[in-house]
Amino acid sequence: MKKIFLTIIFLLVTNNLFANTLEYKGLEKLSKNNTFMNDKGEPYSIDEISDKKNSVVIIYNHGSIQDHKQDPCKAKPKFGYVWDAAVVPAILKLHNKIINGLEVKIYRVCSGVKGMSVKNQKKYRKELKSKGKIDLVDEHKIIKRPKIILNEVENLKKLGFDKIILSGYSAGGWSSLVLQSRYPEKIIGTIAFNPAFAGPKKEWQKKYPEWGAFREDSINKFNKADKINAIVFAHKDDIFEDPKTLSFFENFKDLNLIDYSEIKPTSCTWADVNEKMTADKGHNIPQSKCFTKYLEEKNYLISFLENTLQ
């Protein structure tokens, strides 16, 4: 009887903890914009997918703005406009492609709830300065977002989608890699474009050292994984992360870190408007027409999917 009682208590506590991860302020409203998207970046109903068993779902995860703010995630974002949480065009082009007998579907998740308050960020900055370390008890976005995304993975599996791949841009790419490193039995692969943990390098390296500490903690958790099945794209002109700051990923088996610095931002045109990018837009190259063309010419994404879906 005592054993049964303890089991019940454990289940109640576990369920409450799980529920709490999904009770973030603003999440319910954001989640209403989670949707499947076609090659034009337009939402469509799951009812249009007739064969879930022979589909592979690529869950796309958008970038983030400041941690204390909620990320915008429009129901019908402008094509290629990542500030509306639009899917990177190169991923959209995979819609309905047949890879090893499986049809690709794209599912965009809105997970950008507010993270850590400015007040708490300052608290940890002060703690780091006085103690030389941080005892983290609050949640920033890179802690919250993977929990939200994982919940969507579980939901899709319950609906009959057995094969799930993650993709993401910027903070969405980092969050995707976090999950890939921890749940390889649930997520079979990840495509990350210019993954970024926090703000510009000069900020987390110097101005806001607490974010450097948070980032280091995240990397230490990556290092617990034996392998990470992923393809990661990085550029030397990215002000957030570059091939050098992301070089720790080279230590993981099955992870391919692609340095695509051969593409110059000034040679690229934005996907959403017919304008050239400026030299400081290395982080934004994934939302350009030239990046989509580059990936197609190199066959990076198709090759990764073919190998992953063997």
C-alpha atoms as a PDB file:
ATOM      1  CA  MET A   1       0.000   0.000   0.000  1.00  0.00           C
ATOM      2  CA  LYS A   2       2.833   2.380   0.878  1.00  0.00           C
ATOM      3  CA  LYS A   3       4.536   1.599  -2.455  1.00  0.00           C
ATOM      4  CA  ILE A   4       1.314   2.352  -4.348  1.00  0.00           C
ATOM      5  CA  PHE A   5       0.876   5.605  -2.434  1.00  0.00           C
ATOM      6  CA  LEU A   6       4.428   6.717  -3.243  1.00  0.00           C
ATOM      7  CA  THR A   7       3.902   5.842  -6.908  1.00  0.00           C
ATOM      8  CA  ILE A   8       0.760   7.963  -7.042  1.00  0.00           C
ATOM      9  CA  ILE A   9       2.571  10.895  -5.419  1.00  0.00           C
ATOM     10  CA  PHE A  10       5.437  10.551  -7.926  1.00  0.00           C
ATOM     11  CA  LEU A  11       3.025  10.546 -10.860  1.00  0.00           C
ATOM     12  CA  LEU A  12       1.214  13.602  -9.557  1.00  0.00           C
ATOM     13  CA  VAL A  13       4.451  15.525  -9.093  1.00  0.00           C
ATOM     14  CA  THR A  14       5.716  14.440 -12.517  1.00  0.00           C
ATOM     15  CA  ASN A  15       2.476  15.466 -14.201  1.00  0.00           C
ATOM     16  CA  ASN A  16       2.496  18.825 -12.443  1.00  0.00           C
ATOM     17  CA  LEU A  17       6.068  19.492 -13.533  1.00  0.00           C
ATOM     18  CA  PHE A  18       5.185  18.581 -17.090  1.00  0.00           C
ATOM     19  CA  ALA A  19       2.117  20.816 -16.976  1.00  0.00           C
ATOM     20  CA  ASN A  20       4.115  23.738 -15.636  1.00  0.00           C
ATOM     21  CA  THR A  21       6.445  23.676 -18.627  1.00  0.00           C
ATOM     22  CA  LEU A  22       3.402  24.358 -20.804  1.00  0.00           C
ATOM     23  CA  GLU A  23       1.860  27.111 -18.713  1.00  0.00           C
ATOM     24  CA  TYR A  24       4.099  29.932 -19.878  1.00  0.00           C
ATOM     25  CA  LYS A  25       2.341  33.256 -20.207  1.00  0.00           C
ATOM     26  CA  GLY A  26       1.305  33.911 -23.791  1.00  0.00           C
ATOM     27  CA  LEU A  27       1.938  30.363 -24.999  1.00  0.00           C
ATOM     28  CA  GLU A  28      -1.699  29.434 -25.546  1.00  0.00           C
ATOM     29  CA  LYS A  29      -2.213  32.407 -27.862  1.00  0.00           C
ATOM     30  CA  LEU A  30       1.084  31.825 -29.679  1.00  0.00           C
ATOM     31  CA  SER A  31       0.321  28.135 -30.182  1.00  0.00           C
ATOM     32  CA  LYS A  32      -2.792  28.965 -32.184  1.00  0.00           C
ATOM     33  CA  ASN A  33      -0.444  29.980 -35.005  1.00  0.00           C
ATOM     34  CA  ASN A  34       1.351  26.622 -35.111  1.00  0.00           C
ATOM     35  CA  THR A  35       0.641  25.281 -38.569  1.00  0.00           C
ATOM     36  CA  PHE A  36       1.689  23.206 -41.538  1.00  0.00           C
ATOM     37  CA  MET A  37       2.996  25.377 -44.372  1.00  0.00           C
ATOM     38  CA  ASN A  38       3.322  24.838 -48.110  1.00  0.00           C
ATOM     39  CA  ASP A  39       6.171  25.864 -50.400  1.00  0.00           C
ATOM     40  CA  LYS A  40       4.833  29.423 -50.568  1.00  0.00           C
ATOM     41  CA  GLY A  41       4.843  29.797 -46.792  1.00  0.00           C
ATOM     42  CA  GLU A  42       1.058  29.596 -46.619  1.00  0.00           C
ATOM     43  CA  PRO A  43      -0.669  27.714 -43.790  1.00  0.00           C
ATOM     44  CA  TYR A  44      -2.834  24.682 -44.484  1.00  0.00           C
ATOM     45  CA  SER A  45      -4.823  22.175 -42.440  1.00  0.00           C
ATOM     46  CA  ILE A  46      -3.512  18.851 -41.194  1.00  0.00           C
ATOM     47  CA  ASP A  47      -6.662  17.355 -42.733  1.00  0.00           C
ATOM     48  CA  GLU A  48      -5.022  17.766 -46.137  1.00  0.00           C
ATOM     49  CA  ILE A  49      -2.367  15.204 -45.187  1.00  0.00           C
ATOM     50  CA  SER A  50      -3.841  11.818 -46.007  1.00  0.00           C
ATOM     51  CA  ASP A  51      -0.848   9.541 -45.357  1.00  0.00           C
ATOM     52  CA  LYS A  52       0.815  10.412 -42.061  1.00  0.00           C
ATOM     53  CA  LYS A  53       2.641   7.097 -41.841  1.00  0.00           C
ATOM     54  CA  ASN A  54       4.572   7.791 -45.036  1.00  0.00           C
ATOM     55  CA  SER A  55       5.306  11.424 -44.204  1.00  0.00           C
ATOM     56  CA  VAL A  56       8.320  13.011 -42.550  1.00  0.00           C
ATOM     57  CA  VAL A  57       7.625  16.236 -40.665  1.00  0.00           C
ATOM     58  CA  ILE A  58      10.229  18.978 -40.487  1.00  0.00           C
ATOM     59  CA  ILE A  59       9.360  21.158 -37.497  1.00  0.00           C
ATOM     60  CA  TYR A  60      10.658  24.664 -38.148  1.00  0.00           C
ATOM     61  CA  ASN A  61      11.678  26.894 -35.229  1.00  0.00           C
ATOM     62  CA  HIS A  62      12.029  30.654 -35.665  1.00  0.00           C
ATOM     63  CA  GLY A  63      14.591  33.074 -34.253  1.00  0.00           C
ATOM     64  CA  SER A  64      14.183  35.274 -31.175  1.00  0.00           C
ATOM     65  CA  ILE A  65      14.332  38.900 -30.158  1.00  0.00           C
ATOM     66  CA  GLN A  66      15.396  40.110 -26.674  1.00  0.00           C
ATOM     67  CA  ASP A  67      14.830  37.562 -23.933  1.00  0.00           C
ATOM     68  CA  HIS A  68      12.386  39.670 -21.927  1.00  0.00           C
ATOM     69  CA  LYS A  69      10.110  40.133 -24.955  1.00  0.00           C
ATOM     70  CA  GLN A  70       7.736  37.737 -26.665  1.00  0.00           C
ATOM     71  CA  ASP A  71       8.797  36.759 -30.169  1.00  0.00           C
ATOM     72  CA  PRO A  72       6.432  37.759 -32.991  1.00  0.00           C
ATOM     73  CA  CYS A  73       4.960  34.766 -34.814  1.00  0.00           C
ATOM     74  CA  LYS A  74       2.266  35.686 -37.323  1.00  0.00           C
ATOM     75  CA  ALA A  75      -0.348  33.245 -38.537  1.00  0.00           C
ATOM     76  CA  LYS A  76       0.348  34.257 -42.141  1.00  0.00           C
ATOM     77  CA  PRO A  77       3.892  35.647 -42.273  1.00  0.00           C
ATOM     78  CA  LYS A  78       5.235  37.397 -45.337  1.00  0.00           C
ATOM     79  CA  PHE A  79       7.304  34.988 -47.430  1.00  0.00           C
ATOM     80  CA  GLY A  80      10.902  34.885 -46.186  1.00  0.00           C
ATOM     81  CA  TYR A  81      10.328  37.589 -43.572  1.00  0.00           C
ATOM     82  CA  VAL A  82      11.891  35.953 -40.523  1.00  0.00           C
ATOM     83  CA  TRP A  83      10.816  38.782 -38.185  1.00  0.00           C
ATOM     84  CA  ASP A  84       7.274  37.423 -38.607  1.00  0.00           C
ATOM     85  CA  ALA A  85       8.640  33.919 -37.902  1.00  0.00           C
ATOM     86  CA  ALA A  86       8.434  32.986 -41.571  1.00  0.00           C
ATOM     87  CA  VAL A  87      10.045  29.681 -42.491  1.00  0.00           C
ATOM     88  CA  VAL A  88      13.447  29.941 -44.185  1.00  0.00           C
ATOM     89  CA  PRO A  89      12.735  29.622 -47.957  1.00  0.00           C
ATOM     90  CA  ALA A  90      15.195  26.735 -48.408  1.00  0.00           C
ATOM     91  CA  ILE A  91      13.094  24.648 -45.984  1.00  0.00           C
ATOM     92  CA  LEU A  92       9.830  25.599 -47.685  1.00  0.00           C
ATOM     93  CA  LYS A  93      11.203  24.261 -50.974  1.00  0.00           C
ATOM     94  CA  LEU A  94      11.286  20.798 -49.408  1.00  0.00           C
ATOM     95  CA  HIS A  95       7.487  20.765 -49.117  1.00  0.00           C
ATOM     96  CA  ASN A  96       5.976  17.595 -50.660  1.00  0.00           C
ATOM     97  CA  LYS A  97       9.336  16.313 -51.905  1.00  0.00           C
ATOM     98  CA  ILE A  98       9.657  12.535 -51.791  1.00  0.00           C
ATOM     99  CA  ILE A  99      12.760  11.377 -49.915  1.00  0.00           C
ATOM    100  CA  ASN A 100      13.329   7.626 -49.671  1.00  0.00           C
ATOM    101  CA  GLY A 101       9.601   7.027 -50.163  1.00  0.00           C
ATOM    102  CA  LEU A 102       8.534   9.596 -47.554  1.00  0.00           C
ATOM    103  CA  GLU A 103       6.744  12.867 -48.341  1.00  0.00           C
ATOM    104  CA  VAL A 104       8.138  15.967 -46.605  1.00  0.00           C
ATOM    105  CA  LYS A 105       5.777  18.194 -44.639  1.00  0.00           C
ATOM    106  CA  ILE A 106       6.759  21.489 -42.983  1.00  0.00           C
ATOM    107  CA  TYR A 107       5.315  22.429 -39.595  1.00  0.00           C
ATOM    108  CA  ARG A 108       6.049  25.890 -38.138  1.00  0.00           C
ATOM    109  CA  VAL A 109       5.994  26.155 -34.318  1.00  0.00           C
ATOM    110  CA  CYS A 110       5.574  29.417 -32.402  1.00  0.00           C
ATOM    111  CA  SER A 111       7.516  28.935 -29.166  1.00  0.00           C
ATOM    112  CA  GLY A 112       8.888  32.386 -28.382  1.00  0.00           C
ATOM    113  CA  VAL A 113       7.354  33.114 -24.991  1.00  0.00           C
ATOM    114  CA  LYS A 114       8.981  35.742 -22.805  1.00  0.00           C
ATOM    115  CA  GLY A 115      12.162  34.533 -21.162  1.00  0.00           C
ATOM    116  CA  MET A 116      14.029  36.198 -18.324  1.00  0.00           C
ATOM    117  CA  SER A 117      13.157  39.665 -17.076  1.00  0.00           C
ATOM    118  CA  VAL A 118      15.715  42.473 -17.326  1.00  0.00           C
ATOM    119  CA  LYS A 119      15.692  42.637 -13.526  1.00  0.00           C
ATOM    120  CA  ASN A 120      16.702  38.996 -13.213  1.00  0.00           C
ATOM    121  CA  GLN A 121      19.345  39.350 -15.914  1.00  0.00           C
ATOM    122  CA  LYS A 122      20.937  42.143 -13.870  1.00  0.00           C
ATOM    123  CA  LYS A 123      20.672  39.987 -10.753  1.00  0.00           C
ATOM    124  CA  TYR A 124      22.697  37.223 -12.404  1.00  0.00           C
ATOM    125  CA  ARG A 125      25.234  39.719 -13.756  1.00  0.00           C
ATOM    126  CA  LYS A 126      25.796  40.943 -10.203  1.00  0.00           C
ATOM    127  CA  GLU A 127      25.991  37.377  -8.887  1.00  0.00           C
ATOM    128  CA  LEU A 128      28.582  36.425 -11.504  1.00  0.00           C
ATOM    129  CA  LYS A 129      30.693  39.455 -10.628  1.00  0.00           C
ATOM    130  CA  SER A 130      30.606  38.792  -6.882  1.00  0.00           C
ATOM    131  CA  LYS A 131      30.772  34.974  -6.805  1.00  0.00           C
ATOM    132  CA  GLY A 132      32.416  34.151 -10.119  1.00  0.00           C
ATOM    133  CA  LYS A 133      29.565  31.796 -10.956  1.00  0.00           C
ATOM    134  CA  ILE A 134      25.798  31.698 -11.398  1.00  0.00           C
ATOM    135  CA  ASP A 135      23.284  29.458  -9.646  1.00  0.00           C
ATOM    136  CA  LEU A 136      20.553  29.570 -12.270  1.00  0.00           C
ATOM    137  CA  VAL A 137      17.004  29.171 -10.984  1.00  0.00           C
ATOM    138  CA  ASP A 138      15.090  31.187 -13.594  1.00  0.00           C
ATOM    139  CA  GLU A 139      14.351  30.192 -17.173  1.00  0.00           C
ATOM    140  CA  HIS A 140      15.570  32.068 -20.233  1.00  0.00           C
ATOM    141  CA  LYS A 141      14.163  31.350 -23.692  1.00  0.00           C
ATOM    142  CA  ILE A 142      16.694  28.660 -24.577  1.00  0.00           C
ATOM    143  CA  ILE A 143      15.422  26.724 -21.561  1.00  0.00           C
ATOM    144  CA  LYS A 144      11.735  27.353 -22.231  1.00  0.00           C
ATOM    145  CA  ARG A 145      11.622  26.949 -25.995  1.00  0.00           C
ATOM    146  CA  PRO A 146      12.966  23.370 -26.213  1.00  0.00           C
ATOM    147  CA  LYS A 147      10.291  22.276 -23.728  1.00  0.00           C
ATOM    148  CA  ILE A 148       7.593  23.829 -25.899  1.00  0.00           C
ATOM    149  CA  ILE A 149       9.008  22.349 -29.106  1.00  0.00           C
ATOM    150  CA  LEU A 150       9.334  18.901 -27.515  1.00  0.00           C
ATOM    151  CA  ASN A 151       5.675  19.050 -26.562  1.00  0.00           C
ATOM    152  CA  GLU A 152       4.825  19.652 -30.236  1.00  0.00           C
ATOM    153  CA  VAL A 153       7.005  16.687 -31.217  1.00  0.00           C
ATOM    154  CA  GLU A 154       4.999  14.519 -28.827  1.00  0.00           C
ATOM    155  CA  ASN A 155       1.693  15.874 -30.156  1.00  0.00           C
ATOM    156  CA  LEU A 156       2.623  15.139 -33.759  1.00  0.00           C
ATOM    157  CA  LYS A 157       3.704  11.620 -32.869  1.00  0.00           C
ATOM    158  CA  LYS A 158       0.341  11.024 -31.183  1.00  0.00           C
ATOM    159  CA  LEU A 159      -1.322  12.158 -34.413  1.00  0.00           C
ATOM    160  CA  GLY A 160       0.532   9.457 -36.364  1.00  0.00           C
ATOM    161  CA  PHE A 161       3.685  11.198 -37.601  1.00  0.00           C
ATOM    162  CA  ASP A 162       6.466   8.800 -36.649  1.00  0.00           C
ATOM    163  CA  LYS A 163       9.413  10.545 -38.270  1.00  0.00           C
ATOM    164  CA  ILE A 164      10.283  14.009 -36.966  1.00  0.00           C
ATOM    165  CA  ILE A 165      13.164  16.250 -38.034  1.00  0.00           C
ATOM    166  CA  LEU A 166      13.844  19.662 -36.526  1.00  0.00           C
ATOM    167  CA  SER A 167      15.000  22.763 -38.329  1.00  0.00           C
ATOM    168  CA  GLY A 168      15.596  26.257 -37.080  1.00  0.00           C
ATOM    169  CA  TYR A 169      17.154  29.620 -37.676  1.00  0.00           C
ATOM    170  CA  SER A 170      19.199  31.588 -35.116  1.00  0.00           C
ATOM    171  CA  ALA A 171      17.867  30.859 -31.589  1.00  0.00           C
ATOM    172  CA  GLY A 172      15.451  28.389 -33.180  1.00  0.00           C
ATOM    173  CA  GLY A 173      18.437  26.541 -34.596  1.00  0.00           C
ATOM    174  CA  TRP A 174      20.138  26.418 -31.185  1.00  0.00           C
ATOM    175  CA  SER A 175      16.927  25.188 -29.516  1.00  0.00           C
ATOM    176  CA  SER A 176      16.583  22.490 -32.183  1.00  0.00           C
ATOM    177  CA  LEU A 177      20.133  21.282 -31.553  1.00  0.00           C
ATOM    178  CA  VAL A 178      19.495  21.205 -27.796  1.00  0.00           C
ATOM    179  CA  LEU A 179      16.627  18.793 -28.376  1.00  0.00           C
ATOM    180  CA  GLN A 180      18.530  16.723 -30.926  1.00  0.00           C
ATOM    181  CA  SER A 181      21.336  16.193 -28.425  1.00  0.00           C
ATOM    182  CA  ARG A 182      18.945  15.077 -25.679  1.00  0.00           C
ATOM    183  CA  TYR A 183      16.202  13.148 -27.487  1.00  0.00           C
ATOM    184  CA  PRO A 184      17.709  11.310 -30.487  1.00  0.00           C
ATOM    185  CA  GLU A 185      15.136   8.555 -30.001  1.00  0.00           C
ATOM    186  CA  LYS A 186      12.332  11.045 -30.715  1.00  0.00           C
ATOM    187  CA  ILE A 187      14.024  13.373 -33.209  1.00  0.00           C
ATOM    188  CA  ILE A 188      15.944  11.725 -36.040  1.00  0.00           C
ATOM    189  CA  GLY A 189      17.839  14.764 -37.311  1.00  0.00           C
ATOM    190  CA  THR A 190      18.250  18.543 -37.228  1.00  0.00           C
ATOM    191  CA  ILE A 191      18.965  21.267 -39.793  1.00  0.00           C
ATOM    192  CA  ALA A 192      20.253  24.459 -38.147  1.00  0.00           C
ATOM    193  CA  PHE A 193      20.857  27.760 -39.945  1.00  0.00           C
ATOM    194  CA  ASN A 194      23.167  30.241 -38.189  1.00  0.00           C
ATOM    195  CA  PRO A 195      22.330  28.909 -34.704  1.00  0.00           C
ATOM    196  CA  ALA A 196      22.655  31.543 -31.993  1.00  0.00           C
ATOM    197  CA  PHE A 197      22.285  31.324 -28.230  1.00  0.00           C
ATOM    198  CA  ALA A 198      21.914  34.982 -27.295  1.00  0.00           C
ATOM    199  CA  GLY A 199      22.689  38.451 -28.665  1.00  0.00           C
ATOM    200  CA  PRO A 200      25.689  39.642 -30.678  1.00  0.00           C
ATOM    201  CA  LYS A 201      29.068  38.159 -29.730  1.00  0.00           C
ATOM    202  CA  LYS A 202      30.361  41.446 -28.335  1.00  0.00           C
ATOM    203  CA  GLU A 203      27.457  41.437 -25.875  1.00  0.00           C
ATOM    204  CA  TRP A 204      27.643  37.915 -24.443  1.00  0.00           C
ATOM    205  CA  GLN A 205      31.447  38.010 -24.500  1.00  0.00           C
ATOM    206  CA  LYS A 206      31.851  41.370 -22.729  1.00  0.00           C
ATOM    207  CA  LYS A 207      28.882  43.681 -22.106  1.00  0.00           C
ATOM    208  CA  TYR A 208      26.513  41.077 -20.644  1.00  0.00           C
ATOM    209  CA  PRO A 209      28.770  38.338 -19.208  1.00  0.00           C
ATOM    210  CA  GLU A 210      25.825  36.547 -17.616  1.00  0.00           C
ATOM    211  CA  TRP A 211      24.746  35.530 -21.110  1.00  0.00           C
ATOM    212  CA  GLY A 212      28.214  34.178 -21.762  1.00  0.00           C
ATOM    213  CA  ALA A 213      27.800  32.071 -18.620  1.00  0.00           C
ATOM    214  CA  PHE A 214      24.334  30.875 -19.675  1.00  0.00           C
ATOM    215  CA  ARG A 215      25.744  29.965 -23.087  1.00  0.00           C
ATOM    216  CA  GLU A 216      28.643  28.047 -21.533  1.00  0.00           C
ATOM    217  CA  ASP A 217      26.172  26.083 -19.430  1.00  0.00           C
ATOM    218  CA  SER A 218      24.241  25.162 -22.569  1.00  0.00           C
ATOM    219  CA  ILE A 219      27.441  23.998 -24.294  1.00  0.00           C
ATOM    220  CA  ASN A 220      28.339  21.871 -21.260  1.00  0.00           C
ATOM    221  CA  LYS A 221      24.968  20.141 -21.604  1.00  0.00           C
ATOM    222  CA  PHE A 222      25.615  19.549 -25.311  1.00  0.00           C
ATOM    223  CA  ASN A 223      28.828  17.819 -24.312  1.00  0.00           C
ATOM    224  CA  LYS A 224      26.879  15.112 -22.482  1.00  0.00           C
ATOM    225  CA  ALA A 225      25.761  13.759 -25.869  1.00  0.00           C
ATOM    226  CA  ASP A 226      27.820  11.157 -27.713  1.00  0.00           C
ATOM    227  CA  LYS A 227      26.598  12.244 -31.123  1.00  0.00           C
ATOM    228  CA  ILE A 228      24.251  14.766 -32.717  1.00  0.00           C
ATOM    229  CA  ASN A 229      22.774  13.919 -36.109  1.00  0.00           C
ATOM    230  CA  ALA A 230      22.643  17.392 -37.623  1.00  0.00           C
ATOM    231  CA  ILE A 231      23.812  19.689 -40.364  1.00  0.00           C
ATOM    232  CA  VAL A 232      24.730  23.169 -39.136  1.00  0.00           C
ATOM    233  CA  PHE A 233      25.379  26.231 -41.308  1.00  0.00           C
ATOM    234  CA  ALA A 234      27.586  29.103 -40.108  1.00  0.00           C
ATOM    235  CA  HIS A 235      29.048  32.278 -41.642  1.00  0.00           C
ATOM    236  CA  LYS A 236      32.095  34.337 -40.659  1.00  0.00           C
ATOM    237  CA  ASP A 237      30.161  37.624 -41.012  1.00  0.00           C
ATOM    238  CA  ASP A 238      27.461  36.559 -38.563  1.00  0.00           C
ATOM    239  CA  ILE A 239      27.538  38.963 -35.597  1.00  0.00           C
ATOM    240  CA  PHE A 240      25.886  36.406 -33.267  1.00  0.00           C
ATOM    241  CA  GLU A 241      27.838  33.181 -33.827  1.00  0.00           C
ATOM    242  CA  ASP A 242      30.378  32.203 -36.468  1.00  0.00           C
ATOM    243  CA  PRO A 243      32.293  29.054 -37.501  1.00  0.00           C
ATOM    244  CA  LYS A 244      34.894  29.750 -34.809  1.00  0.00           C
ATOM    245  CA  THR A 245      32.475  30.228 -31.894  1.00  0.00           C
ATOM    246  CA  LEU A 246      30.514  27.173 -33.078  1.00  0.00           C
ATOM    247  CA  SER A 247      33.608  25.029 -33.589  1.00  0.00           C
ATOM    248  CA  PHE A 248      32.765  22.966 -30.477  1.00  0.00           C
ATOM    249  CA  PHE A 249      30.136  21.240 -32.639  1.00  0.00           C
ATOM    250  CA  GLU A 250      32.959  19.631 -34.619  1.00  0.00           C
ATOM    251  CA  ASN A 251      33.538  17.324 -31.645  1.00  0.00           C
ATOM    252  CA  PHE A 252      30.272  15.482 -32.191  1.00  0.00           C
ATOM    253  CA  LYS A 253      29.935  12.399 -34.318  1.00  0.00           C
ATOM    254  CA  ASP A 254      27.362  12.693 -37.139  1.00  0.00           C
ATOM    255  CA  LEU A 255      27.294  16.511 -37.013  1.00  0.00           C
ATOM    256  CA  ASN A 256      28.389  18.352 -40.152  1.00  0.00           C
ATOM    257  CA  LEU A 257      29.346  22.000 -39.552  1.00  0.00           C
ATOM    258  CA  ILE A 258      29.229  23.849 -42.873  1.00  0.00           C
ATOM    259  CA  ASP A 259      31.158  27.110 -43.212  1.00  0.00           C
ATOM    260  CA  TYR A 260      29.454  28.883 -46.096  1.00  0.00           C
ATOM    261  CA  SER A 261      31.445  32.114 -45.822  1.00  0.00           C
ATOM    262  CA  GLU A 262      32.128  31.944 -49.553  1.00  0.00           C
ATOM    263  CA  ILE A 263      28.742  33.650 -49.955  1.00  0.00           C
ATOM    264  CA  LYS A 264      29.039  37.394 -49.466  1.00  0.00           C
ATOM    265  CA  PRO A 265      25.974  39.169 -48.028  1.00  0.00           C
ATOM    266  CA  THR A 266      26.319  41.948 -50.616  1.00  0.00           C
ATOM    267  CA  SER A 267      25.890  39.416 -53.425  1.00  0.00           C
ATOM    268  CA  CYS A 268      22.528  38.272 -52.064  1.00  0.00           C
ATOM    269  CA  THR A 269      18.980  39.558 -52.496  1.00  0.00           C
ATOM    270  CA  TRP A 270      16.405  39.371 -49.705  1.00  0.00           C
ATOM    271  CA  ALA A 271      13.738  36.706 -50.228  1.00  0.00           C
ATOM    272  CA  ASP A 272      10.873  39.033 -49.339  1.00  0.00           C
ATOM    273  CA  VAL A 273      11.964  42.157 -51.241  1.00  0.00           C
ATOM    274  CA  ASN A 274      14.039  42.680 -54.365  1.00  0.00           C
ATOM    275  CA  GLU A 275      16.876  44.470 -52.560  1.00  0.00           C
ATOM    276  CA  LYS A 276      20.513  43.610 -52.001  1.00  0.00           C
ATOM    277  CA  MET A 277      21.724  42.776 -48.518  1.00  0.00           C
ATOM    278  CA  THR A 278      24.324  44.966 -46.838  1.00  0.00           C
ATOM    279  CA  ALA A 279      27.723  43.707 -45.675  1.00  0.00           C
ATOM    280  CA  ASP A 280      26.627  43.449 -42.020  1.00  0.00           C
ATOM    281  CA  LYS A 281      23.821  40.950 -42.730  1.00  0.00           C
ATOM    282  CA  GLY A 282      25.769  37.710 -42.455  1.00  0.00           C
ATOM    283  CA  HIS A 283      23.268  36.425 -39.902  1.00  0.00           C
ATOM    284  CA  ASN A 284      20.412  36.975 -42.334  1.00  0.00           C
ATOM    285  CA  ILE A 285      21.794  35.172 -45.376  1.00  0.00           C
ATOM    286  CA  PRO A 286      19.475  32.143 -44.847  1.00  0.00           C
ATOM    287  CA  GLN A 287      16.548  34.387 -45.784  1.00  0.00           C
ATOM    288  CA  SER A 288      18.101  35.257 -49.134  1.00  0.00           C
ATOM    289  CA  LYS A 289      17.519  33.893 -52.608  1.00  0.00           C
ATOM    290  CA  CYS A 290      21.212  33.137 -53.110  1.00  0.00           C
ATOM    291  CA  PHE A 291      21.332  30.910 -50.015  1.00  0.00           C
ATOM    292  CA  THR A 292      18.461  28.790 -51.295  1.00  0.00           C
ATOM    293  CA  LYS A 293      20.231  28.445 -54.631  1.00  0.00           C
ATOM    294  CA  TYR A 294      23.524  27.619 -52.902  1.00  0.00           C
ATOM    295  CA  LEU A 295      21.950  24.790 -50.897  1.00  0.00           C
ATOM    296  CA  GLU A 296      20.310  23.365 -54.000  1.00  0.00           C
ATOM    297  CA  GLU A 297      23.552  23.445 -55.985  1.00  0.00           C
ATOM    298  CA  LYS A 298      25.472  21.763 -53.167  1.00  0.00           C
ATOM    299  CA  ASN A 299      22.555  19.359 -52.527  1.00  0.00           C
ATOM    300  CA  TYR A 300      23.167  19.719 -48.779  1.00  0.00           C
ATOM    301  CA  LEU A 301      19.606  19.338 -47.527  1.00  0.00           C
ATOM    302  CA  ILE A 302      18.504  16.516 -49.811  1.00  0.00           C
ATOM    303  CA  SER A 303      21.671  14.545 -49.050  1.00  0.00           C
ATOM    304  CA  PHE A 304      21.201  15.036 -45.307  1.00  0.00           C
ATOM    305  CA  LEU A 305      17.587  13.875 -45.499  1.00  0.00           C
ATOM    306  CA  GLU A 306      18.444  10.865 -47.652  1.00  0.00           C
ATOM    307  CA  ASN A 307      21.101   9.748 -45.172  1.00  0.00           C
ATOM    308  CA  THR A 308      18.882  10.421 -42.153  1.00  0.00           C
ATOM    309  CA  LEU A 309      15.891   8.576 -43.600  1.00  0.00           C
ATOM    310  CA  GLN A 310      17.746   5.442 -44.633  1.00  0.00           C
END
